[in-house]
Amino acid sequence: MIRDILSPGEKVHVIHRRHFESEAHRHFVGTVDVYEGGVARVTGHVFTVDTMTFQFIRRPELRTRIISASSGEVLINVLPPAVELDKIVYKIESKAVRVTDGSDWHLDISEVTWR
């Protein structure tokens, strides 16, 4: 039985909504440290788009973010426990964007405009 929307230790992929076409794409992949009252403290890595190559790049520094699950500003995908966050990469396949850790698992984010 799930007691909370998010639980400590869960792995998440977060897409920040863009309000303008010129805004940067901001994604975050990490592990929930704490979740309380609709707000999560998550530690992980930021992914941004290189505007020259349109490739997602993982920022090397580890970050901790406070994310409101109810703000409407983010889309939160809960990842399977077996996903290896340190191996996450973005692949473009026939104009489809997929997040994968190199295993059989992938998350298709093609419905989110990335360009």
PDB file of N, CA and C in Angstrom:
ATOM      1  N   MET A   1       0.836  -1.189   0.000  1.00  0.00           N
ATOM      2  CA  MET A   1       0.000   0.000   0.000  1.00  0.00           C
ATOM      3  C   MET A   1       0.879   1.250   0.000  1.00  0.00           C
ATOM      4  N   ILE A   2       0.597   2.168  -0.902  1.00  0.00           N
ATOM      5  CA  ILE A   2       1.328   3.422  -0.984  1.00  0.00           C
ATOM      6  C   ILE A   2       0.732   4.404   0.012  1.00  0.00           C
ATOM      7  N   ARG A   3       1.572   4.929   0.900  1.00  0.00           N
ATOM      8  CA  ARG A   3       1.089   5.851   1.918  1.00  0.00           C
ATOM      9  C   ARG A   3       1.233   7.304   1.483  1.00  0.00           C
ATOM     10  N   ASP A   4       2.251   7.608   0.705  1.00  0.00           N
ATOM     11  CA  ASP A   4       2.491   8.954   0.222  1.00  0.00           C
ATOM     12  C   ASP A   4       2.619   8.920  -1.289  1.00  0.00           C
ATOM     13  N   ILE A   5       2.473  10.082  -1.883  1.00  0.00           N
ATOM     14  CA  ILE A   5       2.658  10.183  -3.334  1.00  0.00           C
ATOM     15  C   ILE A   5       4.090   9.817  -3.698  1.00  0.00           C
ATOM     16  N   LEU A   6       5.049  10.335  -2.925  1.00  0.00           N
ATOM     17  CA  LEU A   6       6.462  10.011  -3.109  1.00  0.00           C
ATOM     18  C   LEU A   6       7.021   9.534  -1.785  1.00  0.00           C
ATOM     19  N   SER A   7       7.963   8.613  -1.849  1.00  0.00           N
ATOM     20  CA  SER A   7       8.575   8.072  -0.638  1.00  0.00           C
ATOM     21  C   SER A   7      10.084   8.223  -0.710  1.00  0.00           C
ATOM     22  N   PRO A   8      10.731   8.401   0.442  1.00  0.00           N
ATOM     23  CA  PRO A   8      12.191   8.461   0.457  1.00  0.00           C
ATOM     24  C   PRO A   8      12.792   7.232  -0.219  1.00  0.00           C
ATOM     25  N   GLY A   9      13.804   7.482  -1.053  1.00  0.00           N
ATOM     26  CA  GLY A   9      14.465   6.405  -1.775  1.00  0.00           C
ATOM     27  C   GLY A   9      13.936   6.191  -3.181  1.00  0.00           C
ATOM     28  N   GLU A  10      12.749   6.716  -3.477  1.00  0.00           N
ATOM     29  CA  GLU A  10      12.224   6.562  -4.836  1.00  0.00           C
ATOM     30  C   GLU A  10      13.048   7.406  -5.801  1.00  0.00           C
ATOM     31  N   LYS A  11      13.171   6.909  -7.008  1.00  0.00           N
ATOM     32  CA  LYS A  11      13.905   7.606  -8.056  1.00  0.00           C
ATOM     33  C   LYS A  11      12.907   8.325  -8.946  1.00  0.00           C
ATOM     34  N   VAL A  12      13.237   9.578  -9.298  1.00  0.00           N
ATOM     35  CA  VAL A  12      12.315  10.376 -10.094  1.00  0.00           C
ATOM     36  C   VAL A  12      13.025  11.082 -11.238  1.00  0.00           C
ATOM     37  N   HIS A  13      12.259  11.322 -12.292  1.00  0.00           N
ATOM     38  CA  HIS A  13      12.677  12.128 -13.442  1.00  0.00           C
ATOM     39  C   HIS A  13      11.716  13.307 -13.474  1.00  0.00           C
ATOM     40  N   VAL A  14      12.253  14.518 -13.403  1.00  0.00           N
ATOM     41  CA  VAL A  14      11.427  15.716 -13.303  1.00  0.00           C
ATOM     42  C   VAL A  14      11.645  16.598 -14.533  1.00  0.00           C
ATOM     43  N   ILE A  15      10.551  17.006 -15.151  1.00  0.00           N
ATOM     44  CA  ILE A  15      10.603  17.934 -16.280  1.00  0.00           C
ATOM     45  C   ILE A  15       9.973  19.237 -15.820  1.00  0.00           C
ATOM     46  N   HIS A  16      10.746  20.309 -15.884  1.00  0.00           N
ATOM     47  CA  HIS A  16      10.222  21.628 -15.532  1.00  0.00           C
ATOM     48  C   HIS A  16       9.477  22.192 -16.737  1.00  0.00           C
ATOM     49  N   ARG A  17       8.276  22.677 -16.505  1.00  0.00           N
ATOM     50  CA  ARG A  17       7.491  23.249 -17.599  1.00  0.00           C
ATOM     51  C   ARG A  17       8.156  24.522 -18.105  1.00  0.00           C
ATOM     52  N   ARG A  18       8.087  24.691 -19.412  1.00  0.00           N
ATOM     53  CA  ARG A  18       8.584  25.920 -20.029  1.00  0.00           C
ATOM     54  C   ARG A  18       7.389  26.828 -20.286  1.00  0.00           C
ATOM     55  N   HIS A  19       7.562  28.093 -19.978  1.00  0.00           N
ATOM     56  CA  HIS A  19       6.483  29.052 -20.216  1.00  0.00           C
ATOM     57  C   HIS A  19       6.650  29.779 -21.531  1.00  0.00           C
ATOM     58  N   PHE A  20       7.864  29.794 -22.055  1.00  0.00           N
ATOM     59  CA  PHE A  20       8.168  30.457 -23.319  1.00  0.00           C
ATOM     60  C   PHE A  20       9.016  29.530 -24.169  1.00  0.00           C
ATOM     61  N   GLU A  21       8.845  29.607 -25.468  1.00  0.00           N
ATOM     62  CA  GLU A  21       9.591  28.731 -26.371  1.00  0.00           C
ATOM     63  C   GLU A  21      11.098  28.923 -26.236  1.00  0.00           C
ATOM     64  N   SER A  22      11.528  30.121 -25.890  1.00  0.00           N
ATOM     65  CA  SER A  22      12.961  30.407 -25.790  1.00  0.00           C
ATOM     66  C   SER A  22      13.580  29.949 -24.464  1.00  0.00           C
ATOM     67  N   GLU A  23      12.751  29.510 -23.522  1.00  0.00           N
ATOM     68  CA  GLU A  23      13.287  29.042 -22.235  1.00  0.00           C
ATOM     69  C   GLU A  23      14.073  27.748 -22.412  1.00  0.00           C
ATOM     70  N   ALA A  24      15.083  27.602 -21.575  1.00  0.00           N
ATOM     71  CA  ALA A  24      15.899  26.386 -21.610  1.00  0.00           C
ATOM     72  C   ALA A  24      15.086  25.183 -21.136  1.00  0.00           C
ATOM     73  N   HIS A  25      15.423  24.031 -21.674  1.00  0.00           N
ATOM     74  CA  HIS A  25      14.836  22.771 -21.203  1.00  0.00           C
ATOM     75  C   HIS A  25      15.565  22.396 -19.927  1.00  0.00           C
ATOM     76  N   ARG A  26      14.810  22.136 -18.859  1.00  0.00           N
ATOM     77  CA  ARG A  26      15.416  21.753 -17.588  1.00  0.00           C
ATOM     78  C   ARG A  26      14.795  20.455 -17.109  1.00  0.00           C
ATOM     79  N   HIS A  27      15.623  19.464 -16.970  1.00  0.00           N
ATOM     80  CA  HIS A  27      15.210  18.170 -16.442  1.00  0.00           C
ATOM     81  C   HIS A  27      16.071  17.872 -15.230  1.00  0.00           C
ATOM     82  N   PHE A  28      15.550  17.045 -14.343  1.00  0.00           N
ATOM     83  CA  PHE A  28      16.275  16.685 -13.126  1.00  0.00           C
ATOM     84  C   PHE A  28      16.014  15.213 -12.857  1.00  0.00           C
ATOM     85  N   VAL A  29      17.062  14.477 -12.547  1.00  0.00           N
ATOM     86  CA  VAL A  29      16.946  13.056 -12.232  1.00  0.00           C
ATOM     87  C   VAL A  29      17.596  12.840 -10.871  1.00  0.00           C
ATOM     88  N   GLY A  30      16.839  12.252  -9.947  1.00  0.00           N
ATOM     89  CA  GLY A  30      17.412  12.063  -8.626  1.00  0.00           C
ATOM     90  C   GLY A  30      16.606  11.126  -7.749  1.00  0.00           C
ATOM     91  N   THR A  31      16.981  11.124  -6.476  1.00  0.00           N
ATOM     92  CA  THR A  31      16.359  10.270  -5.474  1.00  0.00           C
ATOM     93  C   THR A  31      15.682  11.139  -4.424  1.00  0.00           C
ATOM     94  N   VAL A  32      14.456  10.765  -4.062  1.00  0.00           N
ATOM     95  CA  VAL A  32      13.708  11.503  -3.046  1.00  0.00           C
ATOM     96  C   VAL A  32      14.372  11.288  -1.688  1.00  0.00           C
ATOM     97  N   ASP A  33      14.728  12.395  -1.040  1.00  0.00           N
ATOM     98  CA  ASP A  33      15.290  12.327   0.312  1.00  0.00           C
ATOM     99  C   ASP A  33      14.158  12.366   1.334  1.00  0.00           C
ATOM    100  N   VAL A  34      13.234  13.315   1.136  1.00  0.00           N
ATOM    101  CA  VAL A  34      12.113  13.521   2.051  1.00  0.00           C
ATOM    102  C   VAL A  34      10.926  13.994   1.227  1.00  0.00           C
ATOM    103  N   TYR A  35       9.729  13.568   1.618  1.00  0.00           N
ATOM    104  CA  TYR A  35       8.503  14.070   0.994  1.00  0.00           C
ATOM    105  C   TYR A  35       7.505  14.372   2.106  1.00  0.00           C
ATOM    106  N   GLU A  36       7.000  15.611   2.097  1.00  0.00           N
ATOM    107  CA  GLU A  36       6.047  16.000   3.125  1.00  0.00           C
ATOM    108  C   GLU A  36       5.157  17.120   2.590  1.00  0.00           C
ATOM    109  N   GLY A  37       3.864  16.960   2.761  1.00  0.00           N
ATOM    110  CA  GLY A  37       2.921  18.015   2.402  1.00  0.00           C
ATOM    111  C   GLY A  37       2.983  18.466   0.955  1.00  0.00           C
ATOM    112  N   GLY A  38       3.270  17.561   0.040  1.00  0.00           N
ATOM    113  CA  GLY A  38       3.303  17.915  -1.379  1.00  0.00           C
ATOM    114  C   GLY A  38       4.625  18.474  -1.851  1.00  0.00           C
ATOM    115  N   VAL A  39       5.620  18.496  -0.980  1.00  0.00           N
ATOM    116  CA  VAL A  39       6.937  19.028  -1.341  1.00  0.00           C
ATOM    117  C   VAL A  39       7.986  17.936  -1.138  1.00  0.00           C
ATOM    118  N   ALA A  40       8.863  17.794  -2.137  1.00  0.00           N
ATOM    119  CA  ALA A  40       9.914  16.775  -2.067  1.00  0.00           C
ATOM    120  C   ALA A  40      11.287  17.433  -2.060  1.00  0.00           C
ATOM    121  N   ARG A  41      12.158  16.883  -1.243  1.00  0.00           N
ATOM    122  CA  ARG A  41      13.578  17.238  -1.288  1.00  0.00           C
ATOM    123  C   ARG A  41      14.234  16.109  -2.067  1.00  0.00           C
ATOM    124  N   VAL A  42      14.854  16.444  -3.207  1.00  0.00           N
ATOM    125  CA  VAL A  42      15.394  15.445  -4.125  1.00  0.00           C
ATOM    126  C   VAL A  42      16.854  15.769  -4.426  1.00  0.00           C
ATOM    127  N   THR A  43      17.711  14.752  -4.392  1.00  0.00           N
ATOM    128  CA  THR A  43      19.125  14.936  -4.698  1.00  0.00           C
ATOM    129  C   THR A  43      19.459  14.179  -5.978  1.00  0.00           C
ATOM    130  N   GLY A  44      20.120  14.875  -6.904  1.00  0.00           N
ATOM    131  CA  GLY A  44      20.467  14.254  -8.174  1.00  0.00           C
ATOM    132  C   GLY A  44      21.175  15.204  -9.108  1.00  0.00           C
ATOM    133  N   HIS A  45      20.915  15.055 -10.398  1.00  0.00           N
ATOM    134  CA  HIS A  45      21.621  15.822 -11.421  1.00  0.00           C
ATOM    135  C   HIS A  45      20.642  16.559 -12.344  1.00  0.00           C
ATOM    136  N   VAL A  46      21.081  17.737 -12.776  1.00  0.00           N
ATOM    137  CA  VAL A  46      20.347  18.544 -13.745  1.00  0.00           C
ATOM    138  C   VAL A  46      20.781  18.112 -15.140  1.00  0.00           C
ATOM    139  N   PHE A  47      19.827  18.044 -16.049  1.00  0.00           N
ATOM    140  CA  PHE A  47      20.107  17.821 -17.463  1.00  0.00           C
ATOM    141  C   PHE A  47      19.600  19.035 -18.227  1.00  0.00           C
ATOM    142  N   THR A  48      20.438  19.582 -19.105  1.00  0.00           N
ATOM    143  CA  THR A  48      20.060  20.716 -19.929  1.00  0.00           C
ATOM    144  C   THR A  48      20.323  20.376 -21.387  1.00  0.00           C
ATOM    145  N   VAL A  49      19.776  21.175 -22.281  1.00  0.00           N
ATOM    146  CA  VAL A  49      19.956  20.940 -23.709  1.00  0.00           C
ATOM    147  C   VAL A  49      21.039  21.866 -24.246  1.00  0.00           C
ATOM    148  N   ASP A  50      22.001  21.280 -24.937  1.00  0.00           N
ATOM    149  CA  ASP A  50      22.999  22.054 -25.660  1.00  0.00           C
ATOM    150  C   ASP A  50      22.293  22.581 -26.903  1.00  0.00           C
ATOM    151  N   THR A  51      22.116  23.886 -26.998  1.00  0.00           N
ATOM    152  CA  THR A  51      21.334  24.469 -28.096  1.00  0.00           C
ATOM    153  C   THR A  51      22.022  24.340 -29.451  1.00  0.00           C
ATOM    154  N   MET A  52      23.298  24.036 -29.460  1.00  0.00           N
ATOM    155  CA  MET A  52      24.003  23.859 -30.738  1.00  0.00           C
ATOM    156  C   MET A  52      23.771  22.464 -31.313  1.00  0.00           C
ATOM    157  N   THR A  53      23.716  21.459 -30.452  1.00  0.00           N
ATOM    158  CA  THR A  53      23.590  20.072 -30.918  1.00  0.00           C
ATOM    159  C   THR A  53      22.228  19.461 -30.597  1.00  0.00           C
ATOM    160  N   PHE A  54      21.435  20.148 -29.781  1.00  0.00           N
ATOM    161  CA  PHE A  54      20.132  19.650 -29.322  1.00  0.00           C
ATOM    162  C   PHE A  54      20.258  18.317 -28.591  1.00  0.00           C
ATOM    163  N   GLN A  55      21.366  18.158 -27.874  1.00  0.00           N
ATOM    164  CA  GLN A  55      21.597  16.971 -27.062  1.00  0.00           C
ATOM    165  C   GLN A  55      21.452  17.338 -25.583  1.00  0.00           C
ATOM    166  N   PHE A  56      20.868  16.431 -24.803  1.00  0.00           N
ATOM    167  CA  PHE A  56      20.769  16.636 -23.360  1.00  0.00           C
ATOM    168  C   PHE A  56      22.120  16.324 -22.731  1.00  0.00           C
ATOM    169  N   ILE A  57      22.552  17.206 -21.836  1.00  0.00           N
ATOM    170  CA  ILE A  57      23.843  17.061 -21.175  1.00  0.00           C
ATOM    171  C   ILE A  57      23.616  17.045 -19.665  1.00  0.00           C
ATOM    172  N   ARG A  58      24.228  16.085 -19.000  1.00  0.00           N
ATOM    173  CA  ARG A  58      24.143  15.992 -17.542  1.00  0.00           C
ATOM    174  C   ARG A  58      25.184  16.910 -16.914  1.00  0.00           C
ATOM    175  N   ARG A  59      24.743  17.774 -16.030  1.00  0.00           N
ATOM    176  CA  ARG A  59      25.661  18.630 -15.282  1.00  0.00           C
ATOM    177  C   ARG A  59      26.358  17.752 -14.243  1.00  0.00           C
ATOM    178  N   PRO A  60      27.663  17.868 -14.084  1.00  0.00           N
ATOM    179  CA  PRO A  60      28.406  16.941 -13.222  1.00  0.00           C
ATOM    180  C   PRO A  60      28.156  17.111 -11.726  1.00  0.00           C
ATOM    181  N   GLU A  61      27.818  18.317 -11.290  1.00  0.00           N
ATOM    182  CA  GLU A  61      27.678  18.538  -9.854  1.00  0.00           C
ATOM    183  C   GLU A  61      26.347  17.980  -9.331  1.00  0.00           C
ATOM    184  N   LEU A  62      26.425  17.345  -8.170  1.00  0.00           N
ATOM    185  CA  LEU A  62      25.247  16.818  -7.487  1.00  0.00           C
ATOM    186  C   LEU A  62      24.492  17.997  -6.869  1.00  0.00           C
ATOM    187  N   ARG A  63      23.178  18.018  -7.029  1.00  0.00           N
ATOM    188  CA  ARG A  63      22.367  19.109  -6.494  1.00  0.00           C
ATOM    189  C   ARG A  63      21.215  18.555  -5.671  1.00  0.00           C
ATOM    190  N   THR A  64      20.770  19.348  -4.729  1.00  0.00           N
ATOM    191  CA  THR A  64      19.573  19.027  -3.968  1.00  0.00           C
ATOM    192  C   THR A  64      18.551  20.093  -4.269  1.00  0.00           C
ATOM    193  N   ARG A  65      17.367  19.659  -4.676  1.00  0.00           N
ATOM    194  CA  ARG A  65      16.301  20.584  -5.051  1.00  0.00           C
ATOM    195  C   ARG A  65      15.073  20.336  -4.189  1.00  0.00           C
ATOM    196  N   ILE A  66      14.341  21.403  -3.958  1.00  0.00           N
ATOM    197  CA  ILE A  66      13.039  21.323  -3.308  1.00  0.00           C
ATOM    198  C   ILE A  66      12.014  21.468  -4.426  1.00  0.00           C
ATOM    199  N   ILE A  67      11.160  20.458  -4.581  1.00  0.00           N
ATOM    200  CA  ILE A  67      10.215  20.414  -5.705  1.00  0.00           C
ATOM    201  C   ILE A  67       8.799  20.257  -5.182  1.00  0.00           C
ATOM    202  N   SER A  68       7.921  21.162  -5.588  1.00  0.00           N
ATOM    203  CA  SER A  68       6.518  21.060  -5.212  1.00  0.00           C
ATOM    204  C   SER A  68       5.812  20.149  -6.202  1.00  0.00           C
ATOM    205  N   ALA A  69       5.268  19.062  -5.709  1.00  0.00           N
ATOM    206  CA  ALA A  69       4.580  18.104  -6.569  1.00  0.00           C
ATOM    207  C   ALA A  69       3.219  18.621  -7.021  1.00  0.00           C
ATOM    208  N   SER A  70       2.710  19.645  -6.354  1.00  0.00           N
ATOM    209  CA  SER A  70       1.370  20.142  -6.664  1.00  0.00           C
ATOM    210  C   SER A  70       1.365  21.519  -7.323  1.00  0.00           C
ATOM    211  N   SER A  71       2.530  22.025  -7.701  1.00  0.00           N
ATOM    212  CA  SER A  71       2.617  23.380  -8.248  1.00  0.00           C
ATOM    213  C   SER A  71       2.100  23.495  -9.678  1.00  0.00           C
ATOM    214  N   GLY A  72       2.102  22.400 -10.404  1.00  0.00           N
ATOM    215  CA  GLY A  72       1.748  22.454 -11.815  1.00  0.00           C
ATOM    216  C   GLY A  72       2.920  22.901 -12.676  1.00  0.00           C
ATOM    217  N   GLU A  73       4.067  23.133 -12.060  1.00  0.00           N
ATOM    218  CA  GLU A  73       5.250  23.602 -12.781  1.00  0.00           C
ATOM    219  C   GLU A  73       6.177  22.476 -13.207  1.00  0.00           C
ATOM    220  N   VAL A  74       5.925  21.267 -12.711  1.00  0.00           N
ATOM    221  CA  VAL A  74       6.791  20.141 -13.036  1.00  0.00           C
ATOM    222  C   VAL A  74       5.959  18.904 -13.373  1.00  0.00           C
ATOM    223  N   LEU A  75       6.548  18.068 -14.199  1.00  0.00           N
ATOM    224  CA  LEU A  75       6.004  16.737 -14.474  1.00  0.00           C
ATOM    225  C   LEU A  75       6.961  15.768 -13.801  1.00  0.00           C
ATOM    226  N   ILE A  76       6.454  14.940 -12.906  1.00  0.00           N
ATOM    227  CA  ILE A  76       7.307  14.020 -12.166  1.00  0.00           C
ATOM    228  C   ILE A  76       6.992  12.594 -12.597  1.00  0.00           C
ATOM    229  N   ASN A  77       8.017  11.908 -13.075  1.00  0.00           N
ATOM    230  CA  ASN A  77       7.905  10.503 -13.442  1.00  0.00           C
ATOM    231  C   ASN A  77       8.632   9.695 -12.378  1.00  0.00           C
ATOM    232  N   VAL A  78       7.950   8.727 -11.777  1.00  0.00           N
ATOM    233  CA  VAL A  78       8.577   7.836 -10.806  1.00  0.00           C
ATOM    234  C   VAL A  78       9.243   6.712 -11.597  1.00  0.00           C
ATOM    235  N   LEU A  79      10.529   6.521 -11.353  1.00  0.00           N
ATOM    236  CA  LEU A  79      11.304   5.534 -12.092  1.00  0.00           C
ATOM    237  C   LEU A  79      11.338   4.202 -11.344  1.00  0.00           C
ATOM    238  N   PRO A  80      11.517   3.111 -12.068  1.00  0.00           N
ATOM    239  CA  PRO A  80      11.632   1.801 -11.414  1.00  0.00           C
ATOM    240  C   PRO A  80      12.858   1.758 -10.496  1.00  0.00           C
ATOM    241  N   PRO A  81      12.784   0.996  -9.411  1.00  0.00           N
ATOM    242  CA  PRO A  81      13.900   0.919  -8.459  1.00  0.00           C
ATOM    243  C   PRO A  81      15.221   0.450  -9.077  1.00  0.00           C
ATOM    244  N   ALA A  82      15.161  -0.368 -10.113  1.00  0.00           N
ATOM    245  CA  ALA A  82      16.379  -0.930 -10.708  1.00  0.00           C
ATOM    246  C   ALA A  82      17.132   0.057 -11.607  1.00  0.00           C
ATOM    247  N   VAL A  83      16.529   1.190 -11.937  1.00  0.00           N
ATOM    248  CA  VAL A  83      17.187   2.162 -12.818  1.00  0.00           C
ATOM    249  C   VAL A  83      18.449   2.700 -12.149  1.00  0.00           C
ATOM    250  N   GLU A  84      19.540   2.722 -12.914  1.00  0.00           N
ATOM    251  CA  GLU A  84      20.822   3.227 -12.409  1.00  0.00           C
ATOM    252  C   GLU A  84      20.949   4.702 -12.804  1.00  0.00           C
ATOM    253  N   LEU A  85      20.716   5.586 -11.843  1.00  0.00           N
ATOM    254  CA  LEU A  85      20.683   7.022 -12.116  1.00  0.00           C
ATOM    255  C   LEU A  85      21.996   7.554 -12.676  1.00  0.00           C
ATOM    256  N   ASP A  86      23.125   7.010 -12.261  1.00  0.00           N
ATOM    257  CA  ASP A  86      24.420   7.478 -12.752  1.00  0.00           C
ATOM    258  C   ASP A  86      24.656   7.129 -14.219  1.00  0.00           C
ATOM    259  N   LYS A  87      23.834   6.244 -14.765  1.00  0.00           N
ATOM    260  CA  LYS A  87      23.996   5.840 -16.163  1.00  0.00           C
ATOM    261  C   LYS A  87      22.940   6.461 -17.078  1.00  0.00           C
ATOM    262  N   ILE A  88      22.106   7.343 -16.544  1.00  0.00           N
ATOM    263  CA  ILE A  88      21.037   7.952 -17.338  1.00  0.00           C
ATOM    264  C   ILE A  88      21.617   8.778 -18.485  1.00  0.00           C
ATOM    265  N   VAL A  89      21.087   8.557 -19.682  1.00  0.00           N
ATOM    266  CA  VAL A  89      21.412   9.341 -20.874  1.00  0.00           C
ATOM    267  C   VAL A  89      20.125   9.559 -21.658  1.00  0.00           C
ATOM    268  N   TYR A  90      20.153  10.541 -22.522  1.00  0.00           N
ATOM    269  CA  TYR A  90      19.039  10.822 -23.418  1.00  0.00           C
ATOM    270  C   TYR A  90      19.450  10.393 -24.805  1.00  0.00           C
ATOM    271  N   LYS A  91      18.546   9.699 -25.488  1.00  0.00           N
ATOM    272  CA  LYS A  91      18.811   9.260 -26.853  1.00  0.00           C
ATOM    273  C   LYS A  91      17.696   9.759 -27.751  1.00  0.00           C
ATOM    274  N   ILE A  92      18.086  10.193 -28.934  1.00  0.00           N
ATOM    275  CA  ILE A  92      17.101  10.627 -29.925  1.00  0.00           C
ATOM    276  C   ILE A  92      17.034   9.544 -30.982  1.00  0.00           C
ATOM    277  N   GLU A  93      15.836   8.977 -31.127  1.00  0.00           N
ATOM    278  CA  GLU A  93      15.628   7.907 -32.092  1.00  0.00           C
ATOM    279  C   GLU A  93      14.429   8.264 -32.953  1.00  0.00           C
ATOM    280  N   SER A  94      14.684   8.553 -34.219  1.00  0.00           N
ATOM    281  CA  SER A  94      13.619   8.927 -35.161  1.00  0.00           C
ATOM    282  C   SER A  94      12.737  10.047 -34.600  1.00  0.00           C
ATOM    283  N   LYS A  95      13.367  11.105 -34.129  1.00  0.00           N
ATOM    284  CA  LYS A  95      12.712  12.281 -33.556  1.00  0.00           C
ATOM    285  C   LYS A  95      12.017  12.010 -32.233  1.00  0.00           C
ATOM    286  N   ALA A  96      12.173  10.815 -31.710  1.00  0.00           N
ATOM    287  CA  ALA A  96      11.637  10.487 -30.393  1.00  0.00           C
ATOM    288  C   ALA A  96      12.760  10.659 -29.376  1.00  0.00           C
ATOM    289  N   VAL A  97      12.417  11.180 -28.208  1.00  0.00           N
ATOM    290  CA  VAL A  97      13.411  11.359 -27.150  1.00  0.00           C
ATOM    291  C   VAL A  97      13.147  10.318 -26.077  1.00  0.00           C
ATOM    292  N   ARG A  98      14.186   9.579 -25.741  1.00  0.00           N
ATOM    293  CA  ARG A  98      14.077   8.541 -24.719  1.00  0.00           C
ATOM    294  C   ARG A  98      15.150   8.745 -23.660  1.00  0.00           C
ATOM    295  N   VAL A  99      14.754   8.503 -22.422  1.00  0.00           N
ATOM    296  CA  VAL A  99      15.682   8.501 -21.300  1.00  0.00           C
ATOM    297  C   VAL A  99      15.943   7.043 -20.986  1.00  0.00           C
ATOM    298  N   THR A 100      17.225   6.673 -20.820  1.00  0.00           N
ATOM    299  CA  THR A 100      17.565   5.287 -20.556  1.00  0.00           C
ATOM    300  C   THR A 100      18.815   5.211 -19.685  1.00  0.00           C
ATOM    301  N   ASP A 101      18.991   4.092 -19.039  1.00  0.00           N
ATOM    302  CA  ASP A 101      20.228   3.855 -18.287  1.00  0.00           C
ATOM    303  C   ASP A 101      21.085   2.816 -19.002  1.00  0.00           C
ATOM    304  N   GLY A 102      20.727   2.514 -20.246  1.00  0.00           N
ATOM    305  CA  GLY A 102      21.481   1.539 -21.038  1.00  0.00           C
ATOM    306  C   GLY A 102      20.956   0.127 -20.915  1.00  0.00           C
ATOM    307  N   SER A 103      20.017  -0.086 -20.007  1.00  0.00           N
ATOM    308  CA  SER A 103      19.416  -1.415 -19.861  1.00  0.00           C
ATOM    309  C   SER A 103      18.210  -1.496 -20.809  1.00  0.00           C
ATOM    310  N   ASP A 104      17.356  -2.475 -20.587  1.00  0.00           N
ATOM    311  CA  ASP A 104      16.140  -2.599 -21.398  1.00  0.00           C
ATOM    312  C   ASP A 104      15.120  -1.510 -21.068  1.00  0.00           C
ATOM    313  N   TRP A 105      15.286  -0.851 -19.929  1.00  0.00           N
ATOM    314  CA  TRP A 105      14.338   0.175 -19.503  1.00  0.00           C
ATOM    315  C   TRP A 105      14.561   1.479 -20.269  1.00  0.00           C
ATOM    316  N   HIS A 106      13.463   2.161 -20.581  1.00  0.00           N
ATOM    317  CA  HIS A 106      13.535   3.520 -21.120  1.00  0.00           C
ATOM    318  C   HIS A 106      12.244   4.261 -20.782  1.00  0.00           C
ATOM    319  N   LEU A 107      12.345   5.570 -20.784  1.00  0.00           N
ATOM    320  CA  LEU A 107      11.205   6.451 -20.558  1.00  0.00           C
ATOM    321  C   LEU A 107      11.064   7.304 -21.801  1.00  0.00           C
ATOM    322  N   ASP A 108       9.968   7.151 -22.506  1.00  0.00           N
ATOM    323  CA  ASP A 108       9.728   7.915 -23.728  1.00  0.00           C
ATOM    324  C   ASP A 108       9.151   9.268 -23.337  1.00  0.00           C
ATOM    325  N   ILE A 109       9.870  10.335 -23.635  1.00  0.00           N
ATOM    326  CA  ILE A 109       9.374  11.678 -23.322  1.00  0.00           C
ATOM    327  C   ILE A 109       9.068  12.449 -24.594  1.00  0.00           C
ATOM    328  N   SER A 110       8.761  11.756 -25.659  1.00  0.00           N
ATOM    329  CA  SER A 110       8.497  12.378 -26.960  1.00  0.00           C
ATOM    330  C   SER A 110       7.307  13.311 -26.932  1.00  0.00           C
ATOM    331  N   GLU A 111       6.370  13.073 -25.986  1.00  0.00           N
ATOM    332  CA  GLU A 111       5.195  13.935 -25.934  1.00  0.00           C
ATOM    333  C   GLU A 111       5.530  15.325 -25.412  1.00  0.00           C
ATOM    334  N   VAL A 112       6.740  15.496 -24.864  1.00  0.00           N
ATOM    335  CA  VAL A 112       7.194  16.780 -24.367  1.00  0.00           C
ATOM    336  C   VAL A 112       8.051  17.413 -25.447  1.00  0.00           C
ATOM    337  N   THR A 113       7.632  18.562 -25.955  1.00  0.00           N
ATOM    338  CA  THR A 113       8.402  19.225 -26.989  1.00  0.00           C
ATOM    339  C   THR A 113       9.784  19.560 -26.459  1.00  0.00           C
ATOM    340  N   TRP A 114      10.789  19.154 -27.176  1.00  0.00           N
ATOM    341  CA  TRP A 114      12.157  19.359 -26.693  1.00  0.00           C
ATOM    342  C   TRP A 114      12.932  20.339 -27.522  1.00  0.00           C
ATOM    343  N   ARG A 115      12.465  20.691 -28.692  1.00  0.00           N
ATOM    344  CA  ARG A 115      13.189  21.639 -29.537  1.00  0.00           C
ATOM    345  C   ARG A 115      12.509  22.954 -29.597  1.00  0.00           C
TER     346      ARG A 115
END
